[in-house]
Amino acid sequence: MNTIDIIAAVISAVISSMGLGGGGVLILYLTLFKNTPQLKAQGKNLFFFIPCSIASLFIYYKNGLIKIKKILPMVFGGIIGVFAGNMFIKEIPESMLRIIFGVFLVISGIGTVFSKKKSKE
């Protein structure tokens, strides 16, 4: 691991902690600059995401911002999605996976730019 890798990890962590899509930054760095295969880059991103999500979950729960009854359907849907995705991911060629990821990033970016935040009164 060299200095550039550490800088990329720190930038990704900071962006991720602000909720700005640090995972996308990490995947782009790994695939474009480190020539990591797309599937491995996404796996590394998920592994990197675990400590960040645990810390966020703890803080949000401590501040009373998590309603357990409301998130249970999302948790179950996520678990089903993990198993289904794991079964099908091996059938998707890496080139197609890159395209899907790129399209997802573009759509997310457009949605973020054109979304309107509701102000709390």
PDB file of N, CA and C in Angstrom:
ATOM      1  N   MET A   1       0.853  -1.176   0.000  1.00  0.00           N
ATOM      2  CA  MET A   1       0.000   0.000   0.000  1.00  0.00           C
ATOM      3  C   MET A   1       0.897   1.237   0.000  1.00  0.00           C
ATOM      4  N   ASN A   2       0.625   2.144  -0.915  1.00  0.00           N
ATOM      5  CA  ASN A   2       1.437   3.349  -0.987  1.00  0.00           C
ATOM      6  C   ASN A   2       0.642   4.567  -0.504  1.00  0.00           C
ATOM      7  N   THR A   3       1.277   5.702  -0.554  1.00  0.00           N
ATOM      8  CA  THR A   3       0.672   6.934  -0.048  1.00  0.00           C
ATOM      9  C   THR A   3      -0.604   7.287  -0.801  1.00  0.00           C
ATOM     10  N   ILE A   4      -0.619   7.087  -2.099  1.00  0.00           N
ATOM     11  CA  ILE A   4      -1.812   7.421  -2.900  1.00  0.00           C
ATOM     12  C   ILE A   4      -2.990   6.543  -2.490  1.00  0.00           C
ATOM     13  N   ASP A   5      -2.728   5.267  -2.198  1.00  0.00           N
ATOM     14  CA  ASP A   5      -3.798   4.378  -1.734  1.00  0.00           C
ATOM     15  C   ASP A   5      -4.389   4.879  -0.416  1.00  0.00           C
ATOM     16  N   ILE A   6      -3.532   5.306   0.487  1.00  0.00           N
ATOM     17  CA  ILE A   6      -3.991   5.802   1.782  1.00  0.00           C
ATOM     18  C   ILE A   6      -4.799   7.081   1.609  1.00  0.00           C
ATOM     19  N   ILE A   7      -4.327   7.967   0.757  1.00  0.00           N
ATOM     20  CA  ILE A   7      -5.057   9.217   0.496  1.00  0.00           C
ATOM     21  C   ILE A   7      -6.430   8.915  -0.105  1.00  0.00           C
ATOM     22  N   ALA A   8      -6.485   7.990  -1.061  1.00  0.00           N
ATOM     23  CA  ALA A   8      -7.762   7.619  -1.674  1.00  0.00           C
ATOM     24  C   ALA A   8      -8.715   7.025  -0.638  1.00  0.00           C
ATOM     25  N   ALA A   9      -8.194   6.191   0.261  1.00  0.00           N
ATOM     26  CA  ALA A   9      -9.033   5.592   1.306  1.00  0.00           C
ATOM     27  C   ALA A   9      -9.562   6.662   2.260  1.00  0.00           C
ATOM     28  N   VAL A  10      -8.725   7.605   2.641  1.00  0.00           N
ATOM     29  CA  VAL A  10      -9.154   8.671   3.555  1.00  0.00           C
ATOM     30  C   VAL A  10     -10.206   9.563   2.890  1.00  0.00           C
ATOM     31  N   ILE A  11      -9.968   9.938   1.646  1.00  0.00           N
ATOM     32  CA  ILE A  11     -10.940  10.777   0.925  1.00  0.00           C
ATOM     33  C   ILE A  11     -12.268  10.042   0.804  1.00  0.00           C
ATOM     34  N   SER A  12     -12.198   8.768   0.450  1.00  0.00           N
ATOM     35  CA  SER A  12     -13.418   7.974   0.333  1.00  0.00           C
ATOM     36  C   SER A  12     -14.148   7.886   1.661  1.00  0.00           C
ATOM     37  N   ALA A  13     -13.409   7.695   2.755  1.00  0.00           N
ATOM     38  CA  ALA A  13     -14.024   7.595   4.086  1.00  0.00           C
ATOM     39  C   ALA A  13     -14.677   8.918   4.483  1.00  0.00           C
ATOM     40  N   VAL A  14     -13.999  10.027   4.227  1.00  0.00           N
ATOM     41  CA  VAL A  14     -14.553  11.336   4.592  1.00  0.00           C
ATOM     42  C   VAL A  14     -15.816  11.622   3.785  1.00  0.00           C
ATOM     43  N   ILE A  15     -15.756  11.367   2.486  1.00  0.00           N
ATOM     44  CA  ILE A  15     -16.928  11.600   1.636  1.00  0.00           C
ATOM     45  C   ILE A  15     -18.070  10.680   2.052  1.00  0.00           C
ATOM     46  N   SER A  16     -17.731   9.435   2.374  1.00  0.00           N
ATOM     47  CA  SER A  16     -18.741   8.472   2.805  1.00  0.00           C
ATOM     48  C   SER A  16     -19.382   8.902   4.118  1.00  0.00           C
ATOM     49  N   SER A  17     -18.590   9.396   5.048  1.00  0.00           N
ATOM     50  CA  SER A  17     -19.136   9.808   6.345  1.00  0.00           C
ATOM     51  C   SER A  17     -20.081  10.995   6.221  1.00  0.00           C
ATOM     52  N   MET A  18     -19.934  11.761   5.152  1.00  0.00           N
ATOM     53  CA  MET A  18     -20.837  12.887   4.916  1.00  0.00           C
ATOM     54  C   MET A  18     -22.060  12.461   4.107  1.00  0.00           C
ATOM     55  N   GLY A  19     -22.102  11.183   3.717  1.00  0.00           N
ATOM     56  CA  GLY A  19     -23.245  10.688   2.959  1.00  0.00           C
ATOM     57  C   GLY A  19     -23.230  11.110   1.501  1.00  0.00           C
ATOM     58  N   LEU A  20     -22.044  11.342   0.967  1.00  0.00           N
ATOM     59  CA  LEU A  20     -21.938  11.851  -0.401  1.00  0.00           C
ATOM     60  C   LEU A  20     -21.474  10.811  -1.420  1.00  0.00           C
ATOM     61  N   GLY A  21     -21.499   9.553  -1.072  1.00  0.00           N
ATOM     62  CA  GLY A  21     -21.158   8.516  -2.039  1.00  0.00           C
ATOM     63  C   GLY A  21     -19.689   8.168  -2.103  1.00  0.00           C
ATOM     64  N   GLY A  22     -19.072   8.031  -0.963  1.00  0.00           N
ATOM     65  CA  GLY A  22     -17.656   7.672  -0.925  1.00  0.00           C
ATOM     66  C   GLY A  22     -17.368   6.322  -1.539  1.00  0.00           C
ATOM     67  N   GLY A  23     -18.356   5.422  -1.497  1.00  0.00           N
ATOM     68  CA  GLY A  23     -18.186   4.111  -2.114  1.00  0.00           C
ATOM     69  C   GLY A  23     -17.972   4.212  -3.603  1.00  0.00           C
ATOM     70  N   GLY A  24     -18.677   5.113  -4.238  1.00  0.00           N
ATOM     71  CA  GLY A  24     -18.492   5.329  -5.673  1.00  0.00           C
ATOM     72  C   GLY A  24     -17.094   5.819  -5.984  1.00  0.00           C
ATOM     73  N   VAL A  25     -16.587   6.692  -5.141  1.00  0.00           N
ATOM     74  CA  VAL A  25     -15.229   7.206  -5.310  1.00  0.00           C
ATOM     75  C   VAL A  25     -14.213   6.080  -5.165  1.00  0.00           C
ATOM     76  N   LEU A  26     -14.401   5.242  -4.151  1.00  0.00           N
ATOM     77  CA  LEU A  26     -13.476   4.131  -3.917  1.00  0.00           C
ATOM     78  C   LEU A  26     -13.501   3.145  -5.078  1.00  0.00           C
ATOM     79  N   ILE A  27     -14.672   2.811  -5.570  1.00  0.00           N
ATOM     80  CA  ILE A  27     -14.777   1.874  -6.693  1.00  0.00           C
ATOM     81  C   ILE A  27     -14.131   2.464  -7.941  1.00  0.00           C
ATOM     82  N   LEU A  28     -14.370   3.729  -8.196  1.00  0.00           N
ATOM     83  CA  LEU A  28     -13.745   4.368  -9.356  1.00  0.00           C
ATOM     84  C   LEU A  28     -12.220   4.361  -9.235  1.00  0.00           C
ATOM     85  N   TYR A  29     -11.719   4.644  -8.052  1.00  0.00           N
ATOM     86  CA  TYR A  29     -10.265   4.631  -7.841  1.00  0.00           C
ATOM     87  C   TYR A  29      -9.704   3.236  -8.080  1.00  0.00           C
ATOM     88  N   LEU A  30     -10.347   2.237  -7.506  1.00  0.00           N
ATOM     89  CA  LEU A  30      -9.837   0.878  -7.638  1.00  0.00           C
ATOM     90  C   LEU A  30      -9.872   0.385  -9.084  1.00  0.00           C
ATOM     91  N   THR A  31     -10.949   0.693  -9.793  1.00  0.00           N
ATOM     92  CA  THR A  31     -11.062   0.182 -11.166  1.00  0.00           C
ATOM     93  C   THR A  31     -10.239   0.992 -12.161  1.00  0.00           C
ATOM     94  N   LEU A  32     -10.200   2.297 -12.014  1.00  0.00           N
ATOM     95  CA  LEU A  32      -9.517   3.131 -13.001  1.00  0.00           C
ATOM     96  C   LEU A  32      -8.017   3.263 -12.753  1.00  0.00           C
ATOM     97  N   PHE A  33      -7.619   3.362 -11.492  1.00  0.00           N
ATOM     98  CA  PHE A  33      -6.216   3.622 -11.196  1.00  0.00           C
ATOM     99  C   PHE A  33      -5.443   2.395 -10.723  1.00  0.00           C
ATOM    100  N   LYS A  34      -6.150   1.429 -10.156  1.00  0.00           N
ATOM    101  CA  LYS A  34      -5.482   0.231  -9.648  1.00  0.00           C
ATOM    102  C   LYS A  34      -5.766  -1.004 -10.514  1.00  0.00           C
ATOM    103  N   ASN A  35      -6.558  -0.821 -11.573  1.00  0.00           N
ATOM    104  CA  ASN A  35      -6.917  -1.913 -12.486  1.00  0.00           C
ATOM    105  C   ASN A  35      -7.488  -3.129 -11.759  1.00  0.00           C
ATOM    106  N   THR A  36      -8.276  -2.874 -10.734  1.00  0.00           N
ATOM    107  CA  THR A  36      -8.944  -3.939  -9.991  1.00  0.00           C
ATOM    108  C   THR A  36     -10.191  -4.348 -10.776  1.00  0.00           C
ATOM    109  N   PRO A  37     -10.447  -5.638 -10.934  1.00  0.00           N
ATOM    110  CA  PRO A  37     -11.687  -6.050 -11.597  1.00  0.00           C
ATOM    111  C   PRO A  37     -12.908  -5.481 -10.876  1.00  0.00           C
ATOM    112  N   GLN A  38     -13.940  -5.155 -11.634  1.00  0.00           N
ATOM    113  CA  GLN A  38     -15.127  -4.485 -11.097  1.00  0.00           C
ATOM    114  C   GLN A  38     -15.725  -5.238  -9.910  1.00  0.00           C
ATOM    115  N   LEU A  39     -15.883  -6.535 -10.041  1.00  0.00           N
ATOM    116  CA  LEU A  39     -16.505  -7.314  -8.974  1.00  0.00           C
ATOM    117  C   LEU A  39     -15.674  -7.270  -7.693  1.00  0.00           C
ATOM    118  N   LYS A  40     -14.345  -7.364  -7.812  1.00  0.00           N
ATOM    119  CA  LYS A  40     -13.482  -7.282  -6.627  1.00  0.00           C
ATOM    120  C   LYS A  40     -13.523  -5.884  -6.030  1.00  0.00           C
ATOM    121  N   ALA A  41     -13.570  -4.859  -6.878  1.00  0.00           N
ATOM    122  CA  ALA A  41     -13.637  -3.483  -6.377  1.00  0.00           C
ATOM    123  C   ALA A  41     -14.917  -3.261  -5.585  1.00  0.00           C
ATOM    124  N   GLN A  42     -16.023  -3.788  -6.088  1.00  0.00           N
ATOM    125  CA  GLN A  42     -17.286  -3.639  -5.370  1.00  0.00           C
ATOM    126  C   GLN A  42     -17.265  -4.430  -4.066  1.00  0.00           C
ATOM    127  N   GLY A  43     -16.630  -5.580  -4.065  1.00  0.00           N
ATOM    128  CA  GLY A  43     -16.502  -6.359  -2.833  1.00  0.00           C
ATOM    129  C   GLY A  43     -15.654  -5.637  -1.802  1.00  0.00           C
ATOM    130  N   LYS A  44     -14.540  -5.058  -2.245  1.00  0.00           N
ATOM    131  CA  LYS A  44     -13.686  -4.286  -1.327  1.00  0.00           C
ATOM    132  C   LYS A  44     -14.443  -3.083  -0.788  1.00  0.00           C
ATOM    133  N   ASN A  45     -15.248  -2.460  -1.635  1.00  0.00           N
ATOM    134  CA  ASN A  45     -16.034  -1.312  -1.205  1.00  0.00           C
ATOM    135  C   ASN A  45     -17.024  -1.721  -0.112  1.00  0.00           C
ATOM    136  N   LEU A  46     -17.676  -2.857  -0.285  1.00  0.00           N
ATOM    137  CA  LEU A  46     -18.619  -3.319   0.731  1.00  0.00           C
ATOM    138  C   LEU A  46     -17.904  -3.611   2.043  1.00  0.00           C
ATOM    139  N   PHE A  47     -16.728  -4.219   1.970  1.00  0.00           N
ATOM    140  CA  PHE A  47     -15.957  -4.501   3.172  1.00  0.00           C
ATOM    141  C   PHE A  47     -15.531  -3.199   3.864  1.00  0.00           C
ATOM    142  N   PHE A  48     -15.145  -2.191   3.077  1.00  0.00           N
ATOM    143  CA  PHE A  48     -14.746  -0.886   3.593  1.00  0.00           C
ATOM    144  C   PHE A  48     -15.938  -0.169   4.231  1.00  0.00           C
ATOM    145  N   PHE A  49     -17.126  -0.429   3.705  1.00  0.00           N
ATOM    146  CA  PHE A  49     -18.342   0.250   4.133  1.00  0.00           C
ATOM    147  C   PHE A  49     -18.826  -0.235   5.502  1.00  0.00           C
ATOM    148  N   ILE A  50     -18.508  -1.471   5.865  1.00  0.00           N
ATOM    149  CA  ILE A  50     -19.037  -2.054   7.102  1.00  0.00           C
ATOM    150  C   ILE A  50     -18.715  -1.218   8.340  1.00  0.00           C
ATOM    151  N   PRO A  51     -17.454  -0.838   8.599  1.00  0.00           N
ATOM    152  CA  PRO A  51     -17.193  -0.032   9.806  1.00  0.00           C
ATOM    153  C   PRO A  51     -17.893   1.324   9.778  1.00  0.00           C
ATOM    154  N   CYS A  52     -17.958   1.936   8.602  1.00  0.00           N
ATOM    155  CA  CYS A  52     -18.636   3.236   8.483  1.00  0.00           C
ATOM    156  C   CYS A  52     -20.125   3.095   8.803  1.00  0.00           C
ATOM    157  N   SER A  53     -20.740   2.051   8.297  1.00  0.00           N
ATOM    158  CA  SER A  53     -22.176   1.874   8.520  1.00  0.00           C
ATOM    159  C   SER A  53     -22.478   1.515   9.969  1.00  0.00           C
ATOM    160  N   ILE A  54     -21.611   0.733  10.603  1.00  0.00           N
ATOM    161  CA  ILE A  54     -21.820   0.395  12.011  1.00  0.00           C
ATOM    162  C   ILE A  54     -21.735   1.656  12.876  1.00  0.00           C
ATOM    163  N   ALA A  55     -20.748   2.497  12.609  1.00  0.00           N
ATOM    164  CA  ALA A  55     -20.617   3.744  13.367  1.00  0.00           C
ATOM    165  C   ALA A  55     -21.831   4.646  13.146  1.00  0.00           C
ATOM    166  N   SER A  56     -22.269   4.765  11.897  1.00  0.00           N
ATOM    167  CA  SER A  56     -23.439   5.598  11.597  1.00  0.00           C
ATOM    168  C   SER A  56     -24.691   5.045  12.260  1.00  0.00           C
ATOM    169  N   LEU A  57     -24.864   3.735  12.185  1.00  0.00           N
ATOM    170  CA  LEU A  57     -26.025   3.100  12.797  1.00  0.00           C
ATOM    171  C   LEU A  57     -26.064   3.367  14.295  1.00  0.00           C
ATOM    172  N   PHE A  58     -24.934   3.248  14.949  1.00  0.00           N
ATOM    173  CA  PHE A  58     -24.861   3.495  16.394  1.00  0.00           C
ATOM    174  C   PHE A  58     -25.242   4.936  16.716  1.00  0.00           C
ATOM    175  N   ILE A  59     -24.703   5.888  15.971  1.00  0.00           N
ATOM    176  CA  ILE A  59     -24.975   7.309  16.236  1.00  0.00           C
ATOM    177  C   ILE A  59     -26.438   7.639  15.982  1.00  0.00           C
ATOM    178  N   TYR A  60     -26.981   7.168  14.852  1.00  0.00           N
ATOM    179  CA  TYR A  60     -28.389   7.441  14.551  1.00  0.00           C
ATOM    180  C   TYR A  60     -29.318   6.806  15.584  1.00  0.00           C
ATOM    181  N   TYR A  61     -29.009   5.575  15.995  1.00  0.00           N
ATOM    182  CA  TYR A  61     -29.847   4.902  16.994  1.00  0.00           C
ATOM    183  C   TYR A  61     -29.777   5.638  18.335  1.00  0.00           C
ATOM    184  N   LYS A  62     -28.577   6.038  18.715  1.00  0.00           N
ATOM    185  CA  LYS A  62     -28.380   6.757  19.976  1.00  0.00           C
ATOM    186  C   LYS A  62     -29.170   8.067  20.000  1.00  0.00           C
ATOM    187  N   ASN A  63     -29.275   8.719  18.845  1.00  0.00           N
ATOM    188  CA  ASN A  63     -29.991   9.988  18.758  1.00  0.00           C
ATOM    189  C   ASN A  63     -31.485   9.807  18.480  1.00  0.00           C
ATOM    190  N   GLY A  64     -31.954   8.562  18.489  1.00  0.00           N
ATOM    191  CA  GLY A  64     -33.380   8.299  18.319  1.00  0.00           C
ATOM    192  C   GLY A  64     -33.887   8.511  16.907  1.00  0.00           C
ATOM    193  N   LEU A  65     -33.025   8.431  15.924  1.00  0.00           N
ATOM    194  CA  LEU A  65     -33.417   8.683  14.543  1.00  0.00           C
ATOM    195  C   LEU A  65     -33.778   7.417  13.772  1.00  0.00           C
ATOM    196  N   ILE A  66     -33.695   6.272  14.423  1.00  0.00           N
ATOM    197  CA  ILE A  66     -34.009   5.013  13.755  1.00  0.00           C
ATOM    198  C   ILE A  66     -35.271   4.438  14.377  1.00  0.00           C
ATOM    199  N   LYS A  67     -36.250   4.189  13.553  1.00  0.00           N
ATOM    200  CA  LYS A  67     -37.505   3.570  13.977  1.00  0.00           C
ATOM    201  C   LYS A  67     -37.463   2.108  13.523  1.00  0.00           C
ATOM    202  N   ILE A  68     -37.229   1.218  14.465  1.00  0.00           N
ATOM    203  CA  ILE A  68     -37.003  -0.198  14.171  1.00  0.00           C
ATOM    204  C   ILE A  68     -38.141  -0.796  13.331  1.00  0.00           C
ATOM    205  N   LYS A  69     -39.386  -0.505  13.696  1.00  0.00           N
ATOM    206  CA  LYS A  69     -40.520  -1.080  12.968  1.00  0.00           C
ATOM    207  C   LYS A  69     -40.554  -0.632  11.504  1.00  0.00           C
ATOM    208  N   LYS A  70     -40.084   0.567  11.239  1.00  0.00           N
ATOM    209  CA  LYS A  70     -40.113   1.074   9.868  1.00  0.00           C
ATOM    210  C   LYS A  70     -38.973   0.512   9.006  1.00  0.00           C
ATOM    211  N   ILE A  71     -37.867   0.159   9.635  1.00  0.00           N
ATOM    212  CA  ILE A  71     -36.738  -0.311   8.826  1.00  0.00           C
ATOM    213  C   ILE A  71     -36.714  -1.818   8.620  1.00  0.00           C
ATOM    214  N   LEU A  72     -37.509  -2.566   9.384  1.00  0.00           N
ATOM    215  CA  LEU A  72     -37.500  -4.021   9.250  1.00  0.00           C
ATOM    216  C   LEU A  72     -37.805  -4.499   7.828  1.00  0.00           C
ATOM    217  N   PRO A  73     -38.809  -3.927   7.126  1.00  0.00           N
ATOM    218  CA  PRO A  73     -39.021  -4.371   5.744  1.00  0.00           C
ATOM    219  C   PRO A  73     -37.794  -4.130   4.853  1.00  0.00           C
ATOM    220  N   MET A  74     -37.097  -3.032   5.084  1.00  0.00           N
ATOM    221  CA  MET A  74     -35.890  -2.754   4.298  1.00  0.00           C
ATOM    222  C   MET A  74     -34.775  -3.740   4.624  1.00  0.00           C
ATOM    223  N   VAL A  75     -34.654  -4.107   5.897  1.00  0.00           N
ATOM    224  CA  VAL A  75     -33.636  -5.074   6.300  1.00  0.00           C
ATOM    225  C   VAL A  75     -33.898  -6.417   5.629  1.00  0.00           C
ATOM    226  N   PHE A  76     -35.144  -6.880   5.687  1.00  0.00           N
ATOM    227  CA  PHE A  76     -35.472  -8.163   5.067  1.00  0.00           C
ATOM    228  C   PHE A  76     -35.290  -8.110   3.553  1.00  0.00           C
ATOM    229  N   GLY A  77     -35.696  -6.996   2.943  1.00  0.00           N
ATOM    230  CA  GLY A  77     -35.487  -6.836   1.500  1.00  0.00           C
ATOM    231  C   GLY A  77     -34.008  -6.830   1.146  1.00  0.00           C
ATOM    232  N   GLY A  78     -33.213  -6.191   1.985  1.00  0.00           N
ATOM    233  CA  GLY A  78     -31.765  -6.171   1.756  1.00  0.00           C
ATOM    234  C   GLY A  78     -31.139  -7.544   1.859  1.00  0.00           C
ATOM    235  N   ILE A  79     -31.594  -8.320   2.839  1.00  0.00           N
ATOM    236  CA  ILE A  79     -31.064  -9.681   3.005  1.00  0.00           C
ATOM    237  C   ILE A  79     -31.417 -10.536   1.787  1.00  0.00           C
ATOM    238  N   ILE A  80     -32.656 -10.442   1.333  1.00  0.00           N
ATOM    239  CA  ILE A  80     -33.064 -11.185   0.132  1.00  0.00           C
ATOM    240  C   ILE A  80     -32.250 -10.721  -1.069  1.00  0.00           C
ATOM    241  N   GLY A  81     -32.042  -9.402  -1.179  1.00  0.00           N
ATOM    242  CA  GLY A  81     -31.251  -8.861  -2.287  1.00  0.00           C
ATOM    243  C   GLY A  81     -29.812  -9.342  -2.281  1.00  0.00           C
ATOM    244  N   VAL A  82     -29.232  -9.493  -1.101  1.00  0.00           N
ATOM    245  CA  VAL A  82     -27.857  -9.984  -0.996  1.00  0.00           C
ATOM    246  C   VAL A  82     -27.753 -11.398  -1.540  1.00  0.00           C
ATOM    247  N   PHE A  83     -28.666 -12.247  -1.109  1.00  0.00           N
ATOM    248  CA  PHE A  83     -28.608 -13.638  -1.571  1.00  0.00           C
ATOM    249  C   PHE A  83     -28.911 -13.753  -3.061  1.00  0.00           C
ATOM    250  N   ALA A  84     -29.911 -13.003  -3.543  1.00  0.00           N
ATOM    251  CA  ALA A  84     -30.244 -13.041  -4.967  1.00  0.00           C
ATOM    252  C   ALA A  84     -29.093 -12.480  -5.796  1.00  0.00           C
ATOM    253  N   GLY A  85     -28.531 -11.366  -5.356  1.00  0.00           N
ATOM    254  CA  GLY A  85     -27.410 -10.769  -6.081  1.00  0.00           C
ATOM    255  C   GLY A  85     -26.204 -11.682  -6.127  1.00  0.00           C
ATOM    256  N   ASN A  86     -25.941 -12.369  -5.024  1.00  0.00           N
ATOM    257  CA  ASN A  86     -24.808 -13.290  -4.974  1.00  0.00           C
ATOM    258  C   ASN A  86     -24.987 -14.444  -5.958  1.00  0.00           C
ATOM    259  N   MET A  87     -26.229 -14.887  -6.144  1.00  0.00           N
ATOM    260  CA  MET A  87     -26.479 -15.975  -7.079  1.00  0.00           C
ATOM    261  C   MET A  87     -26.302 -15.525  -8.530  1.00  0.00           C
ATOM    262  N   PHE A  88     -26.725 -14.294  -8.842  1.00  0.00           N
ATOM    263  CA  PHE A  88     -26.733 -13.838 -10.229  1.00  0.00           C
ATOM    264  C   PHE A  88     -25.474 -13.099 -10.665  1.00  0.00           C
ATOM    265  N   ILE A  89     -24.686 -12.581  -9.729  1.00  0.00           N
ATOM    266  CA  ILE A  89     -23.553 -11.734 -10.083  1.00  0.00           C
ATOM    267  C   ILE A  89     -22.506 -12.484 -10.897  1.00  0.00           C
ATOM    268  N   LYS A  90     -22.386 -13.769 -10.654  1.00  0.00           N
ATOM    269  CA  LYS A  90     -21.383 -14.556 -11.369  1.00  0.00           C
ATOM    270  C   LYS A  90     -21.746 -14.749 -12.836  1.00  0.00           C
ATOM    271  N   GLU A  91     -23.002 -14.510 -13.180  1.00  0.00           N
ATOM    272  CA  GLU A  91     -23.467 -14.686 -14.555  1.00  0.00           C
ATOM    273  C   GLU A  91     -23.319 -13.408 -15.390  1.00  0.00           C
ATOM    274  N   ILE A  92     -23.015 -12.295 -14.742  1.00  0.00           N
ATOM    275  CA  ILE A  92     -22.918 -11.018 -15.459  1.00  0.00           C
ATOM    276  C   ILE A  92     -21.463 -10.767 -15.840  1.00  0.00           C
ATOM    277  N   PRO A  93     -21.193 -10.519 -17.119  1.00  0.00           N
ATOM    278  CA  PRO A  93     -19.813 -10.216 -17.523  1.00  0.00           C
ATOM    279  C   PRO A  93     -19.329  -8.906 -16.894  1.00  0.00           C
ATOM    280  N   GLU A  94     -18.017  -8.817 -16.657  1.00  0.00           N
ATOM    281  CA  GLU A  94     -17.471  -7.630 -16.007  1.00  0.00           C
ATOM    282  C   GLU A  94     -17.755  -6.356 -16.803  1.00  0.00           C
ATOM    283  N   SER A  95     -17.706  -6.427 -18.112  1.00  0.00           N
ATOM    284  CA  SER A  95     -17.977  -5.235 -18.922  1.00  0.00           C
ATOM    285  C   SER A  95     -19.395  -4.731 -18.682  1.00  0.00           C
ATOM    286  N   MET A  96     -20.345  -5.642 -18.571  1.00  0.00           N
ATOM    287  CA  MET A  96     -21.731  -5.247 -18.308  1.00  0.00           C
ATOM    288  C   MET A  96     -21.862  -4.679 -16.894  1.00  0.00           C
ATOM    289  N   LEU A  97     -21.148  -5.267 -15.949  1.00  0.00           N
ATOM    290  CA  LEU A  97     -21.174  -4.778 -14.576  1.00  0.00           C
ATOM    291  C   LEU A  97     -20.651  -3.345 -14.502  1.00  0.00           C
ATOM    292  N   ARG A  98     -19.602  -3.052 -15.251  1.00  0.00           N
ATOM    293  CA  ARG A  98     -19.072  -1.675 -15.293  1.00  0.00           C
ATOM    294  C   ARG A  98     -20.106  -0.708 -15.849  1.00  0.00           C
ATOM    295  N   ILE A  99     -20.804  -1.119 -16.900  1.00  0.00           N
ATOM    296  CA  ILE A  99     -21.824  -0.260 -17.511  1.00  0.00           C
ATOM    297  C   ILE A  99     -22.963  -0.019 -16.526  1.00  0.00           C
ATOM    298  N   ILE A 100     -23.422  -1.075 -15.875  1.00  0.00           N
ATOM    299  CA  ILE A 100     -24.509  -0.939 -14.898  1.00  0.00           C
ATOM    300  C   ILE A 100     -24.094   0.010 -13.775  1.00  0.00           C
ATOM    301  N   PHE A 101     -22.870  -0.144 -13.269  1.00  0.00           N
ATOM    302  CA  PHE A 101     -22.387   0.727 -12.199  1.00  0.00           C
ATOM    303  C   PHE A 101     -22.303   2.177 -12.674  1.00  0.00           C
ATOM    304  N   GLY A 102     -21.791   2.396 -13.878  1.00  0.00           N
ATOM    305  CA  GLY A 102     -21.688   3.748 -14.420  1.00  0.00           C
ATOM    306  C   GLY A 102     -23.052   4.402 -14.589  1.00  0.00           C
ATOM    307  N   VAL A 103     -24.007   3.650 -15.115  1.00  0.00           N
ATOM    308  CA  VAL A 103     -25.364   4.182 -15.289  1.00  0.00           C
ATOM    309  C   VAL A 103     -25.974   4.524 -13.932  1.00  0.00           C
ATOM    310  N   PHE A 104     -25.755   3.652 -12.944  1.00  0.00           N
ATOM    311  CA  PHE A 104     -26.255   3.913 -11.598  1.00  0.00           C
ATOM    312  C   PHE A 104     -25.674   5.205 -11.032  1.00  0.00           C
ATOM    313  N   LEU A 105     -24.369   5.420 -11.225  1.00  0.00           N
ATOM    314  CA  LEU A 105     -23.739   6.650 -10.735  1.00  0.00           C
ATOM    315  C   LEU A 105     -24.322   7.892 -11.411  1.00  0.00           C
ATOM    316  N   VAL A 106     -24.517   7.808 -12.715  1.00  0.00           N
ATOM    317  CA  VAL A 106     -25.072   8.954 -13.450  1.00  0.00           C
ATOM    318  C   VAL A 106     -26.492   9.257 -12.980  1.00  0.00           C
ATOM    319  N   ILE A 107     -27.319   8.224 -12.859  1.00  0.00           N
ATOM    320  CA  ILE A 107     -28.701   8.431 -12.405  1.00  0.00           C
ATOM    321  C   ILE A 107     -28.724   8.988 -10.983  1.00  0.00           C
ATOM    322  N   SER A 108     -27.867   8.468 -10.110  1.00  0.00           N
ATOM    323  CA  SER A 108     -27.793   8.978  -8.737  1.00  0.00           C
ATOM    324  C   SER A 108     -27.367  10.441  -8.723  1.00  0.00           C
ATOM    325  N   GLY A 109     -26.388  10.772  -9.538  1.00  0.00           N
ATOM    326  CA  GLY A 109     -25.926  12.160  -9.612  1.00  0.00           C
ATOM    327  C   GLY A 109     -27.007  13.102 -10.109  1.00  0.00           C
ATOM    328  N   ILE A 110     -27.707  12.697 -11.157  1.00  0.00           N
ATOM    329  CA  ILE A 110     -28.790  13.525 -11.692  1.00  0.00           C
ATOM    330  C   ILE A 110     -29.891  13.688 -10.642  1.00  0.00           C
ATOM    331  N   GLY A 111     -30.227  12.596  -9.969  1.00  0.00           N
ATOM    332  CA  GLY A 111     -31.253  12.668  -8.921  1.00  0.00           C
ATOM    333  C   GLY A 111     -30.851  13.598  -7.796  1.00  0.00           C
ATOM    334  N   THR A 112     -29.571  13.573  -7.435  1.00  0.00           N
ATOM    335  CA  THR A 112     -29.090  14.436  -6.362  1.00  0.00           C
ATOM    336  C   THR A 112     -29.131  15.905  -6.778  1.00  0.00           C
ATOM    337  N   VAL A 113     -28.717  16.186  -7.995  1.00  0.00           N
ATOM    338  CA  VAL A 113     -28.683  17.575  -8.469  1.00  0.00           C
ATOM    339  C   VAL A 113     -30.088  18.168  -8.555  1.00  0.00           C
ATOM    340  N   PHE A 114     -31.038  17.370  -9.012  1.00  0.00           N
ATOM    341  CA  PHE A 114     -32.376  17.912  -9.246  1.00  0.00           C
ATOM    342  C   PHE A 114     -33.371  17.640  -8.123  1.00  0.00           C
ATOM    343  N   SER A 115     -32.927  17.045  -7.030  1.00  0.00           N
ATOM    344  CA  SER A 115     -33.863  16.804  -5.924  1.00  0.00           C
ATOM    345  C   SER A 115     -34.054  18.088  -5.128  1.00  0.00           C
ATOM    346  N   LYS A 116     -35.227  18.219  -4.582  1.00  0.00           N
ATOM    347  CA  LYS A 116     -35.537  19.376  -3.744  1.00  0.00           C
ATOM    348  C   LYS A 116     -35.608  18.915  -2.310  1.00  0.00           C
ATOM    349  N   LYS A 117     -34.873  19.586  -1.451  1.00  0.00           N
ATOM    350  CA  LYS A 117     -34.916  19.242  -0.032  1.00  0.00           C
ATOM    351  C   LYS A 117     -36.092  19.945   0.612  1.00  0.00           C
ATOM    352  N   LYS A 118     -36.800  19.186   1.452  1.00  0.00           N
ATOM    353  CA  LYS A 118     -37.909  19.770   2.189  1.00  0.00           C
ATOM    354  C   LYS A 118     -37.375  20.393   3.457  1.00  0.00           C
ATOM    355  N   SER A 119     -37.692  21.635   3.680  1.00  0.00           N
ATOM    356  CA  SER A 119     -37.219  22.303   4.894  1.00  0.00           C
ATOM    357  C   SER A 119     -38.146  21.972   6.051  1.00  0.00           C
ATOM    358  N   LYS A 120     -37.561  21.797   7.214  1.00  0.00           N
ATOM    359  CA  LYS A 120     -38.341  21.519   8.418  1.00  0.00           C
ATOM    360  C   LYS A 120     -38.754  22.841   9.042  1.00  0.00           C
ATOM    361  N   GLU A 121     -40.007  22.950   9.340  1.00  0.00           N
ATOM    362  CA  GLU A 121     -40.507  24.185   9.939  1.00  0.00           C
ATOM    363  C   GLU A 121     -40.935  23.956  11.352  1.00  0.00           C
TER     364      GLU A 121
END
